[in-house]
């Protein structure tokens, strides 16, 4: 059945069958993040909220590490399945599962051993240290569960089990939302309670994913007897997984750099940018869902050397990404003041936040282009183009644009930097695609 979906089903049907569950999972994750922030803020303890916020990069890093084996492994497995090397794909899935566990255990040990230096590096002060430490410790113990959850959730989509991946992710988010008030307020655990709820949500996701691999999958495994892979295959996993994980790290880098340049214009501008980014992220994450939903289809047909179908999927992927982004960006740009007003009623923040949001939305279709070609390169195992795009949009190109435009245009340059970087990254993505196509010919 899954081969029918990958090889013969009409492209729109195959695309939406794979992509819509991923999009739904992204939407639920967005809701979870907002609800999680709401419950933490309800403590009305500024130091507690700050302490938890300081640990956000730790969670981002765990997701990035999970992506190494989840996205890197799924890229390799999709191509192996397309080449009909299913037994080898099964061994890769087993290896990725246990490699993620070992990685999680190593992170736990490092976090506990280097607890105080890391907390100080994150910016914990005398006022926030206790709350940051509480959250940090429970997250350290939960690292294996968080990192592992990113692996089978990506791997099972290579077999067409996108709905099962969504069910596991959504269930974990719901468990987290339910347990947040129980541990934070009911048990009076504050910051530690928020971390415990997050970890238990990921445990629920892991349990369901293991269940689906055991009962629904015919090509994947979690058996420790089938984890032997060749060095070249491991290289393939890391070559794609590491650039994919860098994308998450670059997101945090971009936000931090933007705030550092904005703070000189006032904290209200930083707050405005935070709101604009949160709204824009809703659009971008849905686009990420479509792009990553299509990745197994691209990888399978690349491995099967079905160039005609691969290009059909690529064209349809671009059409969906650009079409969705144009429509949604236009609506949000029109309603920007009303949207920002939902978060804060301050007139100055509404004005600056609306301008920032519109600046971001202008380049949203180009983000779709970048996402499509990034996932294409990942699916095809082309590490260098994937790496270049991963470090460009919110990394190297963004930093260059921010530095130059802030000097030339001041405040206006800061808020236009991301859109400019999006244009340059889209041009880079297209040129890399054209270059790889010429090499193939």
Protein backbone atom coordinates (compact mmCIF):
# COMPACT_ATOMS: atom_id res chain seq x y z
CA UNK A 1 0.00 0.00 0.00
CA UNK A 2 2.76 2.44 0.91
CA UNK A 3 4.58 1.68 -2.38
CA UNK A 4 1.36 2.55 -4.24
CA UNK A 5 1.33 5.92 -2.48
CA UNK A 6 4.97 6.64 -3.25
CA UNK A 7 5.07 5.31 -6.81
CA UNK A 8 1.67 5.51 -8.50
CA UNK A 9 -0.87 7.62 -6.59
CA UNK A 10 -1.71 11.00 -8.17
CA UNK A 11 0.81 13.57 -6.97
CA UNK A 12 -1.75 15.80 -5.18
CA UNK A 13 -3.18 12.80 -3.31
CA UNK A 14 0.26 11.47 -2.33
CA UNK A 15 1.46 14.95 -1.35
CA UNK A 16 -1.46 15.84 0.92
CA UNK A 17 -1.62 12.33 2.39
CA UNK A 18 1.96 12.77 3.57
CA UNK A 19 2.00 16.51 4.27
CA UNK A 20 -1.32 17.31 5.98
CA UNK A 21 -0.64 15.15 9.07
CA UNK A 22 2.73 16.89 9.49
CA UNK A 23 1.03 20.28 9.16
CA UNK A 24 -1.58 19.28 11.75
CA UNK A 25 1.20 18.19 14.10
CA UNK A 26 2.88 21.60 13.62
CA UNK A 27 -0.38 23.42 14.40
CA UNK A 28 -0.91 21.45 17.60
CA UNK A 29 2.71 22.10 18.61
CA UNK A 30 2.08 25.82 18.13
CA UNK A 31 -0.99 25.63 20.35
CA UNK A 32 0.99 23.70 22.96
CA UNK A 33 3.75 26.34 22.98
CA UNK A 34 1.24 29.13 23.51
CA UNK A 35 -0.64 27.25 26.25
CA UNK A 36 2.63 26.29 27.94
CA UNK A 37 3.72 29.93 27.97
CA UNK A 38 0.28 30.92 29.31
CA UNK A 39 0.45 28.57 32.31
CA UNK A 40 4.02 29.57 33.17
CA UNK A 41 3.06 33.25 32.99
CA UNK A 42 0.04 32.61 35.24
CA UNK A 43 2.40 32.14 38.17
CA UNK A 44 2.82 35.94 38.07
CA UNK A 45 6.42 35.36 39.17
CA UNK A 46 8.70 37.35 36.86
CA UNK A 47 11.83 35.57 38.03
CA UNK A 48 10.26 32.16 37.44
CA UNK A 49 9.15 33.10 33.92
CA UNK A 50 12.63 34.50 33.19
CA UNK A 51 14.32 31.40 34.61
CA UNK A 52 12.30 29.11 32.36
CA UNK A 53 12.88 31.37 29.35
CA UNK A 54 16.64 31.26 29.90
CA UNK A 55 16.56 27.48 29.44
CA UNK A 56 14.79 27.67 26.06
CA UNK A 57 18.07 27.20 24.10
CA UNK A 58 18.56 23.85 25.88
CA UNK A 59 15.25 22.57 24.50
CA UNK A 60 16.15 23.90 21.04
CA UNK A 61 19.48 22.05 21.19
CA UNK A 62 17.73 18.77 22.12
CA UNK A 63 15.40 19.14 19.13
CA UNK A 64 18.42 19.82 16.91
CA UNK A 65 20.16 16.64 18.15
CA UNK A 66 17.00 14.62 17.56
CA UNK A 67 16.86 15.93 14.00
CA UNK A 68 20.30 14.46 13.28
CA UNK A 69 18.93 10.92 13.50
CA UNK A 70 15.32 11.72 12.61
CA UNK A 71 15.79 13.79 9.47
CA UNK A 72 19.20 12.35 8.57
CA UNK A 73 17.92 8.81 9.02
CA UNK A 74 14.67 9.40 7.13
CA UNK A 75 16.60 10.87 4.19
CA UNK A 76 18.79 7.75 3.90
CA UNK A 77 15.89 5.32 4.49
CA UNK A 78 13.64 6.98 1.86
CA UNK A 79 16.32 6.57 -0.79
CA UNK A 80 17.03 2.97 0.25
CA UNK A 81 13.32 2.13 0.03
CA UNK A 82 13.20 3.73 -3.44
CA UNK A 83 16.13 1.52 -4.45
CA UNK A 84 14.27 -1.53 -3.01
CA UNK A 85 17.01 -2.07 -0.42
CA UNK A 86 14.48 -2.52 2.35
CA UNK A 87 16.56 -4.71 4.65
CA UNK A 88 19.31 -2.12 4.74
CA UNK A 89 16.71 0.58 5.43
CA UNK A 90 15.44 -1.47 8.37
CA UNK A 91 18.93 -1.64 9.88
CA UNK A 92 19.32 2.12 9.49
CA UNK A 93 16.06 2.66 11.39
CA UNK A 94 17.26 0.47 14.26
CA UNK A 95 20.60 2.23 14.39
CA UNK A 96 19.00 5.71 14.45
CA UNK A 97 16.66 4.74 17.30
CA UNK A 98 19.43 3.51 19.60
CA UNK A 99 21.86 6.23 18.52
CA UNK A 100 19.26 8.80 19.62
CA UNK A 101 18.94 7.07 23.01
CA UNK A 102 22.72 7.07 23.52
CA UNK A 103 22.89 10.71 22.45
CA UNK A 104 20.16 11.57 24.97
CA UNK A 105 21.98 9.77 27.80
CA UNK A 106 25.22 11.59 26.93
CA UNK A 107 23.37 14.94 27.01
CA UNK A 108 21.91 14.08 30.42
CA UNK A 109 25.33 13.29 31.87
CA UNK A 110 26.93 16.40 30.39
CA UNK A 111 24.10 18.65 31.57
CA UNK A 112 24.26 17.33 35.13
CA UNK A 113 28.06 17.44 35.28
CA UNK A 114 28.28 20.99 33.85
CA UNK A 115 25.08 22.32 35.42
CA UNK A 116 26.33 25.55 37.01
CA UNK A 117 28.66 26.62 34.16
CA UNK A 118 25.86 26.08 31.61
CA UNK A 119 23.29 27.96 33.70
CA UNK A 120 25.65 30.92 34.06
CA UNK A 121 26.35 30.80 30.31
CA UNK A 122 22.60 30.94 29.68
CA UNK A 123 22.45 34.13 31.74
CA UNK A 124 21.01 32.91 35.06
CA UNK A 125 21.46 35.49 37.83
CA UNK A 126 21.00 35.39 41.59
CA UNK A 127 17.30 36.19 41.12
CA UNK A 128 16.59 33.58 38.43
CA UNK A 129 19.14 30.86 39.27
CA UNK A 130 16.90 28.76 41.52
CA UNK A 131 14.02 28.67 39.03
CA UNK A 132 16.33 28.05 36.08
CA UNK A 133 18.04 25.25 38.00
CA UNK A 134 14.72 23.54 38.81
CA UNK A 135 13.63 23.59 35.17
CA UNK A 136 17.10 22.67 33.91
CA UNK A 137 17.49 19.58 36.13
CA UNK A 138 14.24 17.94 35.08
CA UNK A 139 14.96 18.73 31.43
CA UNK A 140 18.39 17.12 31.85
CA UNK A 141 16.81 13.90 33.15
CA UNK A 142 14.30 13.97 30.30
CA UNK A 143 16.84 14.56 27.51
CA UNK A 144 16.76 10.95 26.18
CA UNK A 145 12.95 11.02 25.89
CA UNK A 146 12.92 14.41 24.15
CA UNK A 147 15.70 13.55 21.68
CA UNK A 148 14.29 10.08 20.91
CA UNK A 149 10.81 11.47 20.14
CA UNK A 150 12.22 13.30 17.09
CA UNK A 151 13.61 10.09 15.58
CA UNK A 152 10.82 7.53 15.00
CA UNK A 153 8.33 10.36 14.35
CA UNK A 154 10.35 11.17 11.21
CA UNK A 155 11.36 7.61 10.35
CA UNK A 156 7.83 6.14 10.21
CA UNK A 157 6.84 8.72 7.59
CA UNK A 158 9.25 7.01 5.18
CA UNK A 159 6.81 4.10 5.18
CA UNK A 160 3.77 6.34 4.65
CA UNK A 161 2.73 6.34 8.33
CA UNK A 162 2.29 10.12 8.47
CA UNK A 163 -1.02 9.93 10.34
CA UNK A 164 0.51 7.74 13.06
CA UNK A 165 3.39 10.20 13.43
CA UNK A 166 0.86 13.02 13.85
CA UNK A 167 -1.19 11.06 16.41
CA UNK A 168 1.89 10.47 18.56
CA UNK A 169 3.00 14.13 18.38
CA UNK A 170 -0.48 15.49 19.08
CA UNK A 171 -0.99 13.09 22.00
CA UNK A 172 2.28 14.18 23.59
CA UNK A 173 1.30 17.85 23.27
CA UNK A 174 -2.13 17.22 24.81
CA UNK A 175 -0.57 15.32 27.73
CA UNK A 176 1.80 18.23 28.26
CA UNK A 177 -1.05 20.78 28.21
CA UNK A 178 -3.08 18.74 30.73
CA UNK A 179 -0.16 18.16 33.09
CA UNK A 180 1.14 21.76 33.06
CA UNK A 181 -1.42 23.16 35.55
CA UNK A 182 -1.36 19.92 37.57
CA UNK A 183 2.37 20.08 38.27
CA UNK A 184 2.84 23.87 38.25
CA UNK A 185 -0.13 24.74 40.48
CA UNK A 186 -1.65 21.50 41.80
CA UNK A 187 1.63 20.12 43.17
CA UNK A 188 3.13 23.60 43.61
CA UNK A 189 6.28 22.66 41.67
CA UNK A 190 6.51 25.87 39.63
CA UNK A 191 9.35 25.82 37.09
CA UNK A 192 10.20 22.20 37.86
CA UNK A 193 6.57 21.24 37.27
CA UNK A 194 6.62 22.83 33.80
CA UNK A 195 9.70 20.76 32.90
CA UNK A 196 8.18 17.53 34.24
CA UNK A 197 5.04 18.10 32.15
CA UNK A 198 7.19 18.62 29.04
CA UNK A 199 9.19 15.45 29.68
CA UNK A 200 6.10 13.32 30.37
CA UNK A 201 4.49 14.64 27.17
CA UNK A 202 7.52 13.38 25.25
CA UNK A 203 7.40 10.05 27.09
CA UNK A 204 3.79 9.64 25.88
CA UNK A 205 4.91 10.41 22.33
CA UNK A 206 7.76 7.88 22.57
CA UNK A 207 5.46 5.13 23.84
CA UNK A 208 3.00 5.64 20.98
CA UNK A 209 5.75 5.79 18.36
CA UNK A 210 7.28 2.54 19.60
CA UNK A 211 3.82 0.97 19.53
CA UNK A 212 3.29 2.09 15.92
CA UNK A 213 6.69 0.78 14.81
CA UNK A 214 5.91 -2.58 16.43
CA UNK A 215 2.33 -2.92 15.13
CA UNK A 216 1.97 -0.85 11.95
CA UNK A 217 5.41 -0.83 10.34
CA UNK A 218 6.62 -3.63 8.08
CA UNK A 219 9.95 -2.09 7.08
CA UNK A 220 11.30 -0.44 10.26
CA UNK A 221 12.59 -1.90 13.51
CA UNK A 222 13.58 -1.07 17.08
CA UNK A 223 15.31 -4.40 17.59
CA UNK A 224 18.84 -4.01 19.04
CA UNK A 225 19.87 -7.00 16.90
CA UNK A 226 19.48 -4.96 13.71
CA UNK A 227 21.54 -1.85 14.30
CA UNK A 228 24.70 -2.64 12.33
CA UNK A 229 25.33 -0.21 9.48
CA UNK A 230 28.32 0.61 7.29
CA UNK A 231 30.50 3.66 7.87
CA UNK A 232 29.41 5.20 4.56
CA UNK A 233 25.76 4.94 5.63
CA UNK A 234 26.52 6.60 8.96
CA UNK A 235 28.26 9.34 7.00
CA UNK A 236 25.11 9.78 4.92
CA UNK A 237 22.97 10.13 8.05
CA UNK A 238 25.27 12.72 9.61
CA UNK A 239 25.83 14.58 6.33
CA UNK A 240 22.10 15.37 6.11
CA UNK A 241 21.16 15.25 9.81
CA UNK A 242 23.72 17.81 10.97
CA UNK A 243 22.71 20.53 8.44
CA UNK A 244 19.05 19.86 9.33
CA UNK A 245 19.81 20.29 13.03
CA UNK A 246 21.73 23.51 12.34
CA UNK A 247 18.50 25.06 11.03
CA UNK A 248 17.03 24.97 14.56
CA UNK A 249 20.17 26.47 16.06
CA UNK A 250 20.19 29.23 13.41
CA UNK A 251 16.64 30.18 14.38
CA UNK A 252 17.74 30.91 17.96
CA UNK A 253 20.81 32.72 16.60
CA UNK A 254 18.66 34.93 14.37
CA UNK A 255 16.28 35.89 17.19
CA UNK A 256 19.14 36.68 19.57
CA UNK A 257 20.99 38.79 17.00
CA UNK A 258 17.86 40.73 16.06
CA UNK A 259 17.11 41.56 19.70
CA UNK A 260 20.68 42.75 20.28
CA UNK A 261 20.39 45.23 17.41
CA UNK A 262 16.87 46.34 18.35
CA UNK A 263 17.41 46.94 22.06
CA UNK A 264 19.16 50.29 21.38
CA UNK A 265 15.87 51.59 19.95
CA UNK A 266 13.93 50.71 23.12
CA UNK A 267 12.48 47.66 24.84
CA UNK A 268 9.11 48.36 23.19
CA UNK A 269 10.74 47.61 19.83
CA UNK A 270 12.07 44.29 21.18
CA UNK A 271 8.58 43.43 22.47
CA UNK A 272 7.06 44.41 19.10
CA UNK A 273 9.52 42.17 17.24
CA UNK A 274 8.73 39.29 19.61
CA UNK A 275 5.03 39.55 18.76
CA UNK A 276 5.69 39.93 15.01
CA UNK A 277 7.98 36.89 15.02
CA UNK A 278 5.42 34.80 16.92
CA UNK A 279 2.69 35.61 14.36
CA UNK A 280 5.02 35.06 11.41
CA UNK A 281 6.20 31.78 12.89
CA UNK A 282 2.65 30.42 12.66
CA UNK A 283 2.76 30.82 8.88
CA UNK A 284 6.33 29.55 8.54
CA UNK A 285 5.78 26.43 10.64
CA UNK A 286 2.78 25.42 8.54
CA UNK A 287 4.98 25.85 5.46
CA UNK A 288 7.67 23.74 7.17
CA UNK A 289 5.01 21.06 7.69
CA UNK A 290 4.20 20.95 3.97
CA UNK A 291 7.89 20.86 3.03
CA UNK A 292 8.89 18.09 5.43
CA UNK A 293 5.72 16.16 4.63
CA UNK A 294 6.85 15.94 1.01
CA UNK A 295 10.43 14.95 1.85
CA UNK A 296 9.88 11.14 1.98
CA UNK A 297 8.17 11.29 -1.43
CA UNK A 298 11.11 13.19 -2.90
CA UNK A 299 13.67 10.85 -1.35
CA UNK A 300 11.85 7.68 -2.44
CA UNK A 301 11.51 8.75 -6.07
CA UNK A 302 15.09 10.02 -6.18
CA UNK A 303 16.26 6.62 -4.92
CA UNK A 304 14.00 4.89 -7.46
CA UNK A 305 15.46 7.13 -10.21
CA UNK A 306 11.92 8.14 -11.18
CA UNK A 307 12.94 11.62 -12.37
CA UNK A 308 9.60 12.41 -14.01
CA UNK A 309 7.59 11.84 -10.81
CA UNK A 310 10.26 13.55 -8.69
CA UNK A 311 9.92 16.73 -10.76
CA UNK A 312 6.12 16.54 -10.65
CA UNK A 313 6.24 16.38 -6.85
CA UNK A 314 8.76 19.24 -6.75
CA UNK A 315 6.58 21.47 -8.93
CA UNK A 316 3.47 20.71 -6.89
CA UNK A 317 5.38 21.33 -3.66
CA UNK A 318 6.48 24.77 -4.92
CA UNK A 319 2.94 25.58 -6.05
CA UNK A 320 1.45 24.72 -2.64
CA UNK A 321 4.12 26.58 -0.67
CA UNK A 322 4.00 29.74 -2.77
CA UNK A 323 0.21 29.73 -3.15
CA UNK A 324 -0.42 29.23 0.56
CA UNK A 325 2.13 31.85 1.59
CA UNK A 326 0.83 34.52 -0.83
CA UNK A 327 -2.77 34.16 0.36
CA UNK A 328 -2.03 33.98 4.09
CA UNK A 329 0.65 36.72 3.96
CA UNK A 330 -1.78 39.07 2.17
CA UNK A 331 -4.51 38.47 4.77
CA UNK A 332 -2.16 38.93 7.74
CA UNK A 333 -0.55 42.03 6.22
CA UNK A 334 -4.01 43.57 5.78
CA UNK A 335 -4.98 42.69 9.37
CA UNK A 336 -1.56 43.35 10.93
CA UNK A 337 -2.71 46.03 13.46
CA UNK A 338 -5.64 43.89 14.62
CA UNK A 339 -3.38 40.84 14.92
CA UNK A 340 -0.74 42.63 17.02
CA UNK A 341 -3.55 44.10 19.16
CA UNK A 342 -4.52 40.56 20.19
CA UNK A 343 -1.23 40.34 22.07
CA UNK A 344 -0.80 43.87 23.43
CA UNK A 345 -3.06 46.94 23.43
CA UNK A 346 -0.25 49.50 23.54
CA UNK A 347 -0.59 51.92 20.57
CA UNK A 348 3.18 52.25 20.03
CA UNK A 349 3.67 48.49 19.99
CA UNK A 350 0.74 48.00 17.61
CA UNK A 351 2.26 50.53 15.20
CA UNK A 352 5.82 49.18 15.26
CA UNK A 353 4.71 45.54 15.46
CA UNK A 354 2.47 45.95 12.41
CA UNK A 355 5.33 47.40 10.38
CA UNK A 356 7.69 44.60 11.47
CA UNK A 357 5.12 41.91 10.65
CA UNK A 358 4.49 43.34 7.19
CA UNK A 359 8.24 43.48 6.50
CA UNK A 360 8.49 39.78 7.36
CA UNK A 361 5.41 38.77 5.35
CA UNK A 362 6.71 40.37 2.13
CA UNK A 363 9.29 37.60 1.71
CA UNK A 364 7.13 34.69 2.91
CA UNK A 365 6.75 33.15 -0.59
CA UNK A 366 10.53 33.12 -0.91
CA UNK A 367 10.77 31.21 2.38
CA UNK A 368 8.61 28.58 0.68
CA UNK A 369 11.13 28.34 -2.17
CA UNK A 370 14.00 27.94 0.33
CA UNK A 371 12.13 25.24 2.28
CA UNK A 372 11.29 23.22 -0.84
CA UNK A 373 14.85 23.16 -2.16
CA UNK A 374 16.31 22.56 1.31
CA UNK A 375 14.14 19.47 1.81
CA UNK A 376 14.88 18.36 -1.76
CA UNK A 377 18.63 18.45 -1.13
CA UNK A 378 18.14 16.64 2.18
CA UNK A 379 15.99 13.98 0.52
CA UNK A 380 18.57 13.46 -2.23
CA UNK A 381 21.44 13.24 0.25
CA UNK A 382 23.19 16.33 -1.16
CA UNK A 383 24.93 17.50 1.98
CA UNK A 384 26.75 20.62 0.74
CA UNK A 385 23.73 22.45 -0.75
CA UNK A 386 21.62 21.44 2.28
CA UNK A 387 24.29 22.80 4.64
CA UNK A 388 24.64 26.07 2.73
CA UNK A 389 20.91 26.75 2.90
CA UNK A 390 20.73 25.71 6.57
CA UNK A 391 23.32 28.28 7.64
CA UNK A 392 22.18 31.11 5.34
CA UNK A 393 18.62 32.36 5.89
CA UNK A 394 18.81 32.99 9.65
CA UNK A 395 22.57 32.61 9.92
CA UNK A 396 25.41 33.90 7.74
CA UNK A 397 23.41 35.84 5.12
CA UNK A 398 21.09 37.22 7.77
CA UNK A 399 23.99 38.41 9.93
CA UNK A 400 25.61 40.13 6.92
CA UNK A 401 22.33 41.83 5.95
CA UNK A 402 21.69 42.93 9.53
CA UNK A 403 25.16 44.42 9.99
CA UNK A 404 25.16 46.30 6.67
CA UNK A 405 21.53 47.49 6.71
CA UNK A 406 21.68 48.61 10.35
CA UNK A 407 24.61 50.89 9.44
CA UNK A 408 23.05 52.20 6.21
CA UNK A 409 19.38 52.48 7.23
CA UNK A 410 19.43 52.28 11.03
CA UNK A 411 16.19 51.03 12.60
CA UNK A 412 14.53 50.47 9.21
CA UNK A 413 17.51 48.38 8.17
CA UNK A 414 17.20 46.14 11.23
CA UNK A 415 13.56 45.30 10.56
CA UNK A 416 14.18 44.74 6.83
CA UNK A 417 17.22 42.49 7.33
CA UNK A 418 15.32 39.19 7.45
CA UNK A 419 13.34 39.90 4.28
CA UNK A 420 16.57 40.83 2.48
CA UNK A 421 18.22 37.63 3.69
CA UNK A 422 15.18 35.65 2.45
CA UNK A 423 15.61 37.12 -1.06
CA UNK A 424 19.31 36.27 -1.15
CA UNK A 425 18.77 32.76 0.26
CA UNK A 426 16.02 32.04 -2.30
CA UNK A 427 18.37 33.10 -5.11
CA UNK A 428 21.07 30.87 -3.61
CA UNK A 429 18.62 27.94 -3.42
CA UNK A 430 17.59 28.32 -7.06
CA UNK A 431 21.19 28.63 -8.25
CA UNK A 432 22.22 25.53 -6.26
CA UNK A 433 19.34 23.56 -7.79
CA UNK A 434 20.21 24.70 -11.32
CA UNK A 435 23.86 23.84 -10.70
CA UNK A 436 23.09 20.31 -9.45
CA UNK A 437 20.74 19.72 -12.39
CA UNK A 438 23.46 20.70 -14.85
CA UNK A 439 25.86 18.27 -13.18
CA UNK A 440 23.32 15.46 -13.47
CA UNK A 441 22.80 16.18 -17.18
